[in-house]
Amino acid sequence: MQLIFLTLARDELAEAKRFYNRQQQGLGESFKREAEAAAKLIQERPLAWQIEIEPVRRFILDRFPCKMLYIIRAERIVVIAVAHQHRRPDYWVDRIQNQ
């Protein structure tokens, strides 16, 4: 199954990487690696993670307080947000309707 990121989600991923690099040299790369590993797991087993809000599922990263929110559509998985777990909890909800 193909996994794609919405442009907004890809931007969030890049911003989080920059944020973590500002906190500590190399931390942003660690975040990126963990996010890439998460995307691979989601692609391999898209139904394995909990539903956040129907039809959106969430994958919570281990080391960072972030989650990937995604929708399964036919033959593709669409990551609609890479969100901090404790800030603006539902800012991404309006992205569901466009998928």
PDB file of N, CA and C in Angstrom:
ATOM      1  N   MET A   1       0.849  -1.177   0.000  1.00  0.00           N
ATOM      2  CA  MET A   1       0.000   0.000   0.000  1.00  0.00           C
ATOM      3  C   MET A   1       0.892   1.237   0.000  1.00  0.00           C
ATOM      4  N   GLN A   2       0.543   2.195  -0.805  1.00  0.00           N
ATOM      5  CA  GLN A   2       1.319   3.431  -0.914  1.00  0.00           C
ATOM      6  C   GLN A   2       1.040   4.350   0.271  1.00  0.00           C
ATOM      7  N   LEU A   3       2.081   4.976   0.813  1.00  0.00           N
ATOM      8  CA  LEU A   3       1.934   5.942   1.896  1.00  0.00           C
ATOM      9  C   LEU A   3       2.379   7.301   1.376  1.00  0.00           C
ATOM     10  N   ILE A   4       1.509   8.302   1.549  1.00  0.00           N
ATOM     11  CA  ILE A   4       1.843   9.659   1.131  1.00  0.00           C
ATOM     12  C   ILE A   4       1.584  10.619   2.289  1.00  0.00           C
ATOM     13  N   PHE A   5       2.256  11.747   2.267  1.00  0.00           N
ATOM     14  CA  PHE A   5       2.064  12.808   3.255  1.00  0.00           C
ATOM     15  C   PHE A   5       1.369  13.971   2.576  1.00  0.00           C
ATOM     16  N   LEU A   6       0.347  14.522   3.224  1.00  0.00           N
ATOM     17  CA  LEU A   6      -0.173  15.804   2.768  1.00  0.00           C
ATOM     18  C   LEU A   6       0.957  16.820   2.853  1.00  0.00           C
ATOM     19  N   THR A   7       0.907  17.830   2.032  1.00  0.00           N
ATOM     20  CA  THR A   7       1.928  18.877   2.073  1.00  0.00           C
ATOM     21  C   THR A   7       2.018  19.487   3.463  1.00  0.00           C
ATOM     22  N   LEU A   8       0.863  19.724   4.104  1.00  0.00           N
ATOM     23  CA  LEU A   8       0.867  20.296   5.451  1.00  0.00           C
ATOM     24  C   LEU A   8       1.556  19.371   6.452  1.00  0.00           C
ATOM     25  N   ALA A   9       1.327  18.081   6.323  1.00  0.00           N
ATOM     26  CA  ALA A   9       1.965  17.115   7.229  1.00  0.00           C
ATOM     27  C   ALA A   9       3.473  17.066   6.993  1.00  0.00           C
ATOM     28  N   ARG A  10       3.881  17.129   5.726  1.00  0.00           N
ATOM     29  CA  ARG A  10       5.315  17.140   5.407  1.00  0.00           C
ATOM     30  C   ARG A  10       5.967  18.411   5.965  1.00  0.00           C
ATOM     31  N   ASP A  11       5.254  19.527   5.890  1.00  0.00           N
ATOM     32  CA  ASP A  11       5.757  20.778   6.464  1.00  0.00           C
ATOM     33  C   ASP A  11       5.896  20.668   7.986  1.00  0.00           C
ATOM     34  N   GLU A  12       4.926  20.026   8.634  1.00  0.00           N
ATOM     35  CA  GLU A  12       4.989  19.833  10.087  1.00  0.00           C
ATOM     36  C   GLU A  12       6.184  18.962  10.477  1.00  0.00           C
ATOM     37  N   LEU A  13       6.436  17.954   9.680  1.00  0.00           N
ATOM     38  CA  LEU A  13       7.575  17.072   9.914  1.00  0.00           C
ATOM     39  C   LEU A  13       8.882  17.866   9.822  1.00  0.00           C
ATOM     40  N   ALA A  14       9.001  18.687   8.797  1.00  0.00           N
ATOM     41  CA  ALA A  14      10.208  19.494   8.619  1.00  0.00           C
ATOM     42  C   ALA A  14      10.366  20.519   9.744  1.00  0.00           C
ATOM     43  N   GLU A  15       9.268  21.130  10.152  1.00  0.00           N
ATOM     44  CA  GLU A  15       9.330  22.119  11.243  1.00  0.00           C
ATOM     45  C   GLU A  15       9.732  21.464  12.560  1.00  0.00           C
ATOM     46  N   ALA A  16       9.194  20.276  12.833  1.00  0.00           N
ATOM     47  CA  ALA A  16       9.567  19.558  14.062  1.00  0.00           C
ATOM     48  C   ALA A  16      11.052  19.206  14.038  1.00  0.00           C
ATOM     49  N   LYS A  17      11.548  18.791  12.883  1.00  0.00           N
ATOM     50  CA  LYS A  17      12.983  18.474  12.763  1.00  0.00           C
ATOM     51  C   LYS A  17      13.816  19.722  13.069  1.00  0.00           C
ATOM     52  N   ARG A  18      13.438  20.861  12.499  1.00  0.00           N
ATOM     53  CA  ARG A  18      14.168  22.110  12.768  1.00  0.00           C
ATOM     54  C   ARG A  18      14.102  22.471  14.252  1.00  0.00           C
ATOM     55  N   PHE A  19      12.915  22.330  14.845  1.00  0.00           N
ATOM     56  CA  PHE A  19      12.752  22.643  16.265  1.00  0.00           C
ATOM     57  C   PHE A  19      13.694  21.795  17.119  1.00  0.00           C
ATOM     58  N   TYR A  20      13.709  20.487  16.882  1.00  0.00           N
ATOM     59  CA  TYR A  20      14.556  19.611  17.689  1.00  0.00           C
ATOM     60  C   TYR A  20      16.041  19.867  17.447  1.00  0.00           C
ATOM     61  N   ASN A  21      16.411  20.237  16.234  1.00  0.00           N
ATOM     62  CA  ASN A  21      17.813  20.588  15.978  1.00  0.00           C
ATOM     63  C   ASN A  21      18.218  21.853  16.717  1.00  0.00           C
ATOM     64  N   ARG A  22      17.282  22.791  16.904  1.00  0.00           N
ATOM     65  CA  ARG A  22      17.588  23.993  17.679  1.00  0.00           C
ATOM     66  C   ARG A  22      17.773  23.661  19.156  1.00  0.00           C
ATOM     67  N   GLN A  23      17.081  22.618  19.618  1.00  0.00           N
ATOM     68  CA  GLN A  23      17.194  22.215  21.012  1.00  0.00           C
ATOM     69  C   GLN A  23      18.529  21.552  21.298  1.00  0.00           C
ATOM     70  N   GLN A  24      18.961  20.711  20.356  1.00  0.00           N
ATOM     71  CA  GLN A  24      20.223  19.971  20.529  1.00  0.00           C
ATOM     72  C   GLN A  24      20.705  19.503  19.164  1.00  0.00           C
ATOM     73  N   GLN A  25      21.971  19.713  18.902  1.00  0.00           N
ATOM     74  CA  GLN A  25      22.575  19.287  17.638  1.00  0.00           C
ATOM     75  C   GLN A  25      22.312  17.804  17.393  1.00  0.00           C
ATOM     76  N   GLY A  26      21.736  17.464  16.237  1.00  0.00           N
ATOM     77  CA  GLY A  26      21.494  16.074  15.869  1.00  0.00           C
ATOM     78  C   GLY A  26      20.164  15.512  16.342  1.00  0.00           C
ATOM     79  N   LEU A  27      19.491  16.206  17.239  1.00  0.00           N
ATOM     80  CA  LEU A  27      18.214  15.694  17.743  1.00  0.00           C
ATOM     81  C   LEU A  27      17.155  15.680  16.645  1.00  0.00           C
ATOM     82  N   GLY A  28      17.217  16.656  15.755  1.00  0.00           N
ATOM     83  CA  GLY A  28      16.279  16.695  14.634  1.00  0.00           C
ATOM     84  C   GLY A  28      16.433  15.493  13.716  1.00  0.00           C
ATOM     85  N   GLU A  29      17.674  15.064  13.507  1.00  0.00           N
ATOM     86  CA  GLU A  29      17.904  13.866  12.692  1.00  0.00           C
ATOM     87  C   GLU A  29      17.342  12.626  13.382  1.00  0.00           C
ATOM     88  N   SER A  30      17.474  12.560  14.699  1.00  0.00           N
ATOM     89  CA  SER A  30      16.889  11.442  15.451  1.00  0.00           C
ATOM     90  C   SER A  30      15.376  11.437  15.287  1.00  0.00           C
ATOM     91  N   PHE A  31      14.774  12.631  15.357  1.00  0.00           N
ATOM     92  CA  PHE A  31      13.336  12.734  15.156  1.00  0.00           C
ATOM     93  C   PHE A  31      12.957  12.255  13.756  1.00  0.00           C
ATOM     94  N   LYS A  32      13.683  12.697  12.754  1.00  0.00           N
ATOM     95  CA  LYS A  32      13.387  12.308  11.376  1.00  0.00           C
ATOM     96  C   LYS A  32      13.488  10.794  11.203  1.00  0.00           C
ATOM     97  N   ARG A  33      14.521  10.184  11.774  1.00  0.00           N
ATOM     98  CA  ARG A  33      14.669   8.723  11.674  1.00  0.00           C
ATOM     99  C   ARG A  33      13.498   8.000  12.334  1.00  0.00           C
ATOM    100  N   GLU A  34      13.089   8.492  13.508  1.00  0.00           N
ATOM    101  CA  GLU A  34      11.965   7.846  14.182  1.00  0.00           C
ATOM    102  C   GLU A  34      10.675   8.024  13.378  1.00  0.00           C
ATOM    103  N   ALA A  35      10.491   9.195  12.795  1.00  0.00           N
ATOM    104  CA  ALA A  35       9.305   9.441  11.968  1.00  0.00           C
ATOM    105  C   ALA A  35       9.303   8.552  10.724  1.00  0.00           C
ATOM    106  N   GLU A  36      10.459   8.377  10.108  1.00  0.00           N
ATOM    107  CA  GLU A  36      10.560   7.496   8.945  1.00  0.00           C
ATOM    108  C   GLU A  36      10.262   6.050   9.323  1.00  0.00           C
ATOM    109  N   ALA A  37      10.754   5.619  10.467  1.00  0.00           N
ATOM    110  CA  ALA A  37      10.473   4.255  10.940  1.00  0.00           C
ATOM    111  C   ALA A  37       8.982   4.093  11.215  1.00  0.00           C
ATOM    112  N   ALA A  38       8.366   5.126  11.795  1.00  0.00           N
ATOM    113  CA  ALA A  38       6.925   5.090  12.057  1.00  0.00           C
ATOM    114  C   ALA A  38       6.150   4.976  10.753  1.00  0.00           C
ATOM    115  N   ALA A  39       6.541   5.750   9.751  1.00  0.00           N
ATOM    116  CA  ALA A  39       5.857   5.701   8.457  1.00  0.00           C
ATOM    117  C   ALA A  39       5.961   4.308   7.842  1.00  0.00           C
ATOM    118  N   LYS A  40       7.117   3.689   7.984  1.00  0.00           N
ATOM    119  CA  LYS A  40       7.300   2.332   7.446  1.00  0.00           C
ATOM    120  C   LYS A  40       6.395   1.328   8.163  1.00  0.00           C
ATOM    121  N   LEU A  41       6.316   1.427   9.492  1.00  0.00           N
ATOM    122  CA  LEU A  41       5.434   0.527  10.246  1.00  0.00           C
ATOM    123  C   LEU A  41       3.965   0.742   9.874  1.00  0.00           C
ATOM    124  N   ILE A  42       3.578   2.000   9.733  1.00  0.00           N
ATOM    125  CA  ILE A  42       2.198   2.300   9.326  1.00  0.00           C
ATOM    126  C   ILE A  42       1.920   1.682   7.963  1.00  0.00           C
ATOM    127  N   GLN A  43       2.855   1.812   7.054  1.00  0.00           N
ATOM    128  CA  GLN A  43       2.679   1.260   5.714  1.00  0.00           C
ATOM    129  C   GLN A  43       2.567  -0.259   5.742  1.00  0.00           C
ATOM    130  N   GLU A  44       3.336  -0.892   6.601  1.00  0.00           N
ATOM    131  CA  GLU A  44       3.320  -2.356   6.690  1.00  0.00           C
ATOM    132  C   GLU A  44       2.056  -2.887   7.363  1.00  0.00           C
ATOM    133  N   ARG A  45       1.566  -2.173   8.390  1.00  0.00           N
ATOM    134  CA  ARG A  45       0.400  -2.635   9.159  1.00  0.00           C
ATOM    135  C   ARG A  45      -0.540  -1.465   9.468  1.00  0.00           C
ATOM    136  N   PRO A  46      -1.221  -0.936   8.486  1.00  0.00           N
ATOM    137  CA  PRO A  46      -2.015   0.285   8.685  1.00  0.00           C
ATOM    138  C   PRO A  46      -3.161   0.153   9.687  1.00  0.00           C
ATOM    139  N   LEU A  47      -3.660  -1.031   9.903  1.00  0.00           N
ATOM    140  CA  LEU A  47      -4.795  -1.207  10.823  1.00  0.00           C
ATOM    141  C   LEU A  47      -4.362  -1.479  12.266  1.00  0.00           C
ATOM    142  N   ALA A  48      -3.081  -1.487  12.524  1.00  0.00           N
ATOM    143  CA  ALA A  48      -2.572  -1.884  13.839  1.00  0.00           C
ATOM    144  C   ALA A  48      -2.721  -0.822  14.925  1.00  0.00           C
ATOM    145  N   TRP A  49      -2.961   0.425  14.554  1.00  0.00           N
ATOM    146  CA  TRP A  49      -2.987   1.491  15.553  1.00  0.00           C
ATOM    147  C   TRP A  49      -4.381   2.038  15.770  1.00  0.00           C
ATOM    148  N   GLN A  50      -4.563   2.620  16.940  1.00  0.00           N
ATOM    149  CA  GLN A  50      -5.884   3.062  17.394  1.00  0.00           C
ATOM    150  C   GLN A  50      -6.467   4.169  16.537  1.00  0.00           C
ATOM    151  N   ILE A  51      -7.785   4.210  16.576  1.00  0.00           N
ATOM    152  CA  ILE A  51      -8.514   5.295  15.928  1.00  0.00           C
ATOM    153  C   ILE A  51      -8.517   6.501  16.866  1.00  0.00           C
ATOM    154  N   GLU A  52      -8.137   7.646  16.329  1.00  0.00           N
ATOM    155  CA  GLU A  52      -8.160   8.909  17.076  1.00  0.00           C
ATOM    156  C   GLU A  52      -9.563   9.509  16.988  1.00  0.00           C
ATOM    157  N   ILE A  53      -9.995   9.775  15.781  1.00  0.00           N
ATOM    158  CA  ILE A  53     -11.348  10.225  15.449  1.00  0.00           C
ATOM    159  C   ILE A  53     -11.668   9.534  14.131  1.00  0.00           C
ATOM    160  N   GLU A  54     -12.733   8.796  14.071  1.00  0.00           N
ATOM    161  CA  GLU A  54     -13.088   8.058  12.856  1.00  0.00           C
ATOM    162  C   GLU A  54     -13.049   8.978  11.648  1.00  0.00           C
ATOM    163  N   PRO A  55     -12.377   8.658  10.583  1.00  0.00           N
ATOM    164  CA  PRO A  55     -11.616   7.454  10.231  1.00  0.00           C
ATOM    165  C   PRO A  55     -10.102   7.596  10.457  1.00  0.00           C
ATOM    166  N   VAL A  56      -9.676   8.517  11.279  1.00  0.00           N
ATOM    167  CA  VAL A  56      -8.250   8.819  11.460  1.00  0.00           C
ATOM    168  C   VAL A  56      -7.641   7.907  12.523  1.00  0.00           C
ATOM    169  N   ARG A  57      -6.499   7.328  12.167  1.00  0.00           N
ATOM    170  CA  ARG A  57      -5.734   6.515  13.113  1.00  0.00           C
ATOM    171  C   ARG A  57      -4.494   7.284  13.541  1.00  0.00           C
ATOM    172  N   ARG A  58      -3.918   6.872  14.678  1.00  0.00           N
ATOM    173  CA  ARG A  58      -2.740   7.567  15.189  1.00  0.00           C
ATOM    174  C   ARG A  58      -1.624   6.586  15.513  1.00  0.00           C
ATOM    175  N   PHE A  59      -0.428   7.041  15.241  1.00  0.00           N
ATOM    176  CA  PHE A  59       0.785   6.330  15.623  1.00  0.00           C
ATOM    177  C   PHE A  59       1.557   7.282  16.514  1.00  0.00           C
ATOM    178  N   ILE A  60       1.778   6.893  17.759  1.00  0.00           N
ATOM    179  CA  ILE A  60       2.476   7.745  18.710  1.00  0.00           C
ATOM    180  C   ILE A  60       3.967   7.396  18.689  1.00  0.00           C
ATOM    181  N   LEU A  61       4.787   8.409  18.461  1.00  0.00           N
ATOM    182  CA  LEU A  61       6.231   8.193  18.461  1.00  0.00           C
ATOM    183  C   LEU A  61       6.703   7.871  19.873  1.00  0.00           C
ATOM    184  N   ASP A  62       7.777   7.108  19.968  1.00  0.00           N
ATOM    185  CA  ASP A  62       8.287   6.680  21.277  1.00  0.00           C
ATOM    186  C   ASP A  62       9.056   7.775  22.003  1.00  0.00           C
ATOM    187  N   ARG A  63      10.015   8.351  21.335  1.00  0.00           N
ATOM    188  CA  ARG A  63      10.958   9.251  21.997  1.00  0.00           C
ATOM    189  C   ARG A  63      10.492  10.709  22.032  1.00  0.00           C
ATOM    190  N   PHE A  64       9.614  11.059  21.135  1.00  0.00           N
ATOM    191  CA  PHE A  64       9.185  12.449  20.994  1.00  0.00           C
ATOM    192  C   PHE A  64       7.682  12.553  21.254  1.00  0.00           C
ATOM    193  N   PRO A  65       7.217  13.679  21.789  1.00  0.00           N
ATOM    194  CA  PRO A  65       5.783  13.821  22.107  1.00  0.00           C
ATOM    195  C   PRO A  65       4.952  14.196  20.878  1.00  0.00           C
ATOM    196  N   CYS A  66       5.074  13.373  19.853  1.00  0.00           N
ATOM    197  CA  CYS A  66       4.381  13.625  18.586  1.00  0.00           C
ATOM    198  C   CYS A  66       3.633  12.379  18.148  1.00  0.00           C
ATOM    199  N   LYS A  67       2.681  12.603  17.279  1.00  0.00           N
ATOM    200  CA  LYS A  67       1.939  11.488  16.699  1.00  0.00           C
ATOM    201  C   LYS A  67       1.724  11.746  15.225  1.00  0.00           C
ATOM    202  N   MET A  68       1.651  10.662  14.470  1.00  0.00           N
ATOM    203  CA  MET A  68       1.297  10.732  13.056  1.00  0.00           C
ATOM    204  C   MET A  68      -0.163  10.335  12.953  1.00  0.00           C
ATOM    205  N   LEU A  69      -0.918  11.175  12.296  1.00  0.00           N
ATOM    206  CA  LEU A  69      -2.337  10.916  12.099  1.00  0.00           C
ATOM    207  C   LEU A  69      -2.550  10.592  10.627  1.00  0.00           C
ATOM    208  N   TYR A  70      -3.253   9.493  10.361  1.00  0.00           N
ATOM    209  CA  TYR A  70      -3.375   9.044   8.977  1.00  0.00           C
ATOM    210  C   TYR A  70      -4.744   8.438   8.709  1.00  0.00           C
ATOM    211  N   ILE A  71      -5.064   8.427   7.426  1.00  0.00           N
ATOM    212  CA  ILE A  71      -6.324   7.864   6.935  1.00  0.00           C
ATOM    213  C   ILE A  71      -5.985   6.802   5.900  1.00  0.00           C
ATOM    214  N   ILE A  72      -6.732   5.722   5.913  1.00  0.00           N
ATOM    215  CA  ILE A  72      -6.571   4.670   4.915  1.00  0.00           C
ATOM    216  C   ILE A  72      -7.645   4.896   3.855  1.00  0.00           C
ATOM    217  N   ARG A  73      -7.203   5.079   2.620  1.00  0.00           N
ATOM    218  CA  ARG A  73      -8.102   5.325   1.494  1.00  0.00           C
ATOM    219  C   ARG A  73      -7.746   4.373   0.357  1.00  0.00           C
ATOM    220  N   ALA A  74      -8.634   3.429   0.060  1.00  0.00           N
ATOM    221  CA  ALA A  74      -8.444   2.475  -1.033  1.00  0.00           C
ATOM    222  C   ALA A  74      -7.043   1.868  -0.988  1.00  0.00           C
ATOM    223  N   GLU A  75      -6.201   2.214  -1.933  1.00  0.00           N
ATOM    224  CA  GLU A  75      -4.865   1.630  -2.017  1.00  0.00           C
ATOM    225  C   GLU A  75      -3.771   2.567  -1.522  1.00  0.00           C
ATOM    226  N   ARG A  76      -4.135   3.528  -0.678  1.00  0.00           N
ATOM    227  CA  ARG A  76      -3.108   4.433  -0.159  1.00  0.00           C
ATOM    228  C   ARG A  76      -3.400   4.808   1.277  1.00  0.00           C
ATOM    229  N   ILE A  77      -2.337   5.181   1.948  1.00  0.00           N
ATOM    230  CA  ILE A  77      -2.414   5.690   3.311  1.00  0.00           C
ATOM    231  C   ILE A  77      -1.993   7.153   3.225  1.00  0.00           C
ATOM    232  N   VAL A  78      -2.801   8.034   3.796  1.00  0.00           N
ATOM    233  CA  VAL A  78      -2.517   9.458   3.729  1.00  0.00           C
ATOM    234  C   VAL A  78      -2.230   9.973   5.135  1.00  0.00           C
ATOM    235  N   VAL A  79      -0.996  10.419   5.363  1.00  0.00           N
ATOM    236  CA  VAL A  79      -0.643  11.050   6.627  1.00  0.00           C
ATOM    237  C   VAL A  79      -1.149  12.487   6.539  1.00  0.00           C
ATOM    238  N   ILE A  80      -2.110  12.822   7.413  1.00  0.00           N
ATOM    239  CA  ILE A  80      -2.716  14.152   7.336  1.00  0.00           C
ATOM    240  C   ILE A  80      -2.083  15.135   8.310  1.00  0.00           C
ATOM    241  N   ALA A  81      -1.349  14.627   9.330  1.00  0.00           N
ATOM    242  CA  ALA A  81      -0.720  15.534  10.296  1.00  0.00           C
ATOM    243  C   ALA A  81       0.396  14.809  11.040  1.00  0.00           C
ATOM    244  N   VAL A  82       1.407  15.595  11.397  1.00  0.00           N
ATOM    245  CA  VAL A  82       2.442  15.178  12.335  1.00  0.00           C
ATOM    246  C   VAL A  82       2.300  16.177  13.471  1.00  0.00           C
ATOM    247  N   ALA A  83       1.616  15.753  14.524  1.00  0.00           N
ATOM    248  CA  ALA A  83       1.151  16.688  15.551  1.00  0.00           C
ATOM    249  C   ALA A  83       1.813  16.450  16.900  1.00  0.00           C
ATOM    250  N   HIS A  84       2.050  17.537  17.609  1.00  0.00           N
ATOM    251  CA  HIS A  84       2.498  17.454  18.995  1.00  0.00           C
ATOM    252  C   HIS A  84       1.318  16.921  19.801  1.00  0.00           C
ATOM    253  N   GLN A  85       1.583  16.049  20.752  1.00  0.00           N
ATOM    254  CA  GLN A  85       0.496  15.415  21.504  1.00  0.00           C
ATOM    255  C   GLN A  85      -0.199  16.342  22.498  1.00  0.00           C
ATOM    256  N   HIS A  86       0.446  17.457  22.875  1.00  0.00           N
ATOM    257  CA  HIS A  86      -0.113  18.285  23.938  1.00  0.00           C
ATOM    258  C   HIS A  86      -0.445  19.710  23.517  1.00  0.00           C
ATOM    259  N   ARG A  87      -0.327  20.019  22.244  1.00  0.00           N
ATOM    260  CA  ARG A  87      -0.613  21.375  21.769  1.00  0.00           C
ATOM    261  C   ARG A  87      -1.719  21.331  20.731  1.00  0.00           C
ATOM    262  N   ARG A  88      -2.637  22.246  20.827  1.00  0.00           N
ATOM    263  CA  ARG A  88      -3.726  22.375  19.848  1.00  0.00           C
ATOM    264  C   ARG A  88      -4.230  20.998  19.402  1.00  0.00           C
ATOM    265  N   PRO A  89      -4.892  20.266  20.240  1.00  0.00           N
ATOM    266  CA  PRO A  89      -5.164  18.848  19.985  1.00  0.00           C
ATOM    267  C   PRO A  89      -5.945  18.519  18.708  1.00  0.00           C
ATOM    268  N   ASP A  90      -6.847  19.352  18.287  1.00  0.00           N
ATOM    269  CA  ASP A  90      -7.682  18.995  17.129  1.00  0.00           C
ATOM    270  C   ASP A  90      -7.532  19.939  15.946  1.00  0.00           C
ATOM    271  N   TYR A  91      -6.420  20.632  15.841  1.00  0.00           N
ATOM    272  CA  TYR A  91      -6.247  21.614  14.769  1.00  0.00           C
ATOM    273  C   TYR A  91      -6.329  20.990  13.375  1.00  0.00           C
ATOM    274  N   TRP A  92      -6.061  19.724  13.245  1.00  0.00           N
ATOM    275  CA  TRP A  92      -5.963  19.026  11.963  1.00  0.00           C
ATOM    276  C   TRP A  92      -7.287  18.439  11.487  1.00  0.00           C
ATOM    277  N   VAL A  93      -8.330  18.491  12.300  1.00  0.00           N
ATOM    278  CA  VAL A  93      -9.591  17.816  11.988  1.00  0.00           C
ATOM    279  C   VAL A  93     -10.177  18.228  10.651  1.00  0.00           C
ATOM    280  N   ASP A  94     -10.045  19.496  10.284  1.00  0.00           N
ATOM    281  CA  ASP A  94     -10.622  19.931   9.007  1.00  0.00           C
ATOM    282  C   ASP A  94      -9.914  19.312   7.794  1.00  0.00           C
ATOM    283  N   ARG A  95      -8.776  18.706   7.989  1.00  0.00           N
ATOM    284  CA  ARG A  95      -8.058  18.039   6.896  1.00  0.00           C
ATOM    285  C   ARG A  95      -8.722  16.719   6.485  1.00  0.00           C
ATOM    286  N   ILE A  96      -9.540  16.168   7.355  1.00  0.00           N
ATOM    287  CA  ILE A  96     -10.195  14.882   7.079  1.00  0.00           C
ATOM    288  C   ILE A  96     -11.117  15.003   5.876  1.00  0.00           C
ATOM    289  N   GLN A  97     -11.866  16.068   5.801  1.00  0.00           N
ATOM    290  CA  GLN A  97     -12.878  16.226   4.752  1.00  0.00           C
ATOM    291  C   GLN A  97     -12.282  16.251   3.360  1.00  0.00           C
ATOM    292  N   ASN A  98     -11.054  16.676   3.216  1.00  0.00           N
ATOM    293  CA  ASN A  98     -10.430  16.777   1.901  1.00  0.00           C
ATOM    294  C   ASN A  98      -9.811  15.478   1.433  1.00  0.00           C
ATOM    295  N   GLN A  99      -9.911  14.423   2.224  1.00  0.00           N
ATOM    296  CA  GLN A  99      -9.266  13.162   1.854  1.00  0.00           C
ATOM    297  C   GLN A  99     -10.243  12.109   1.455  1.00  0.00           C
TER     298      GLN A  99
END
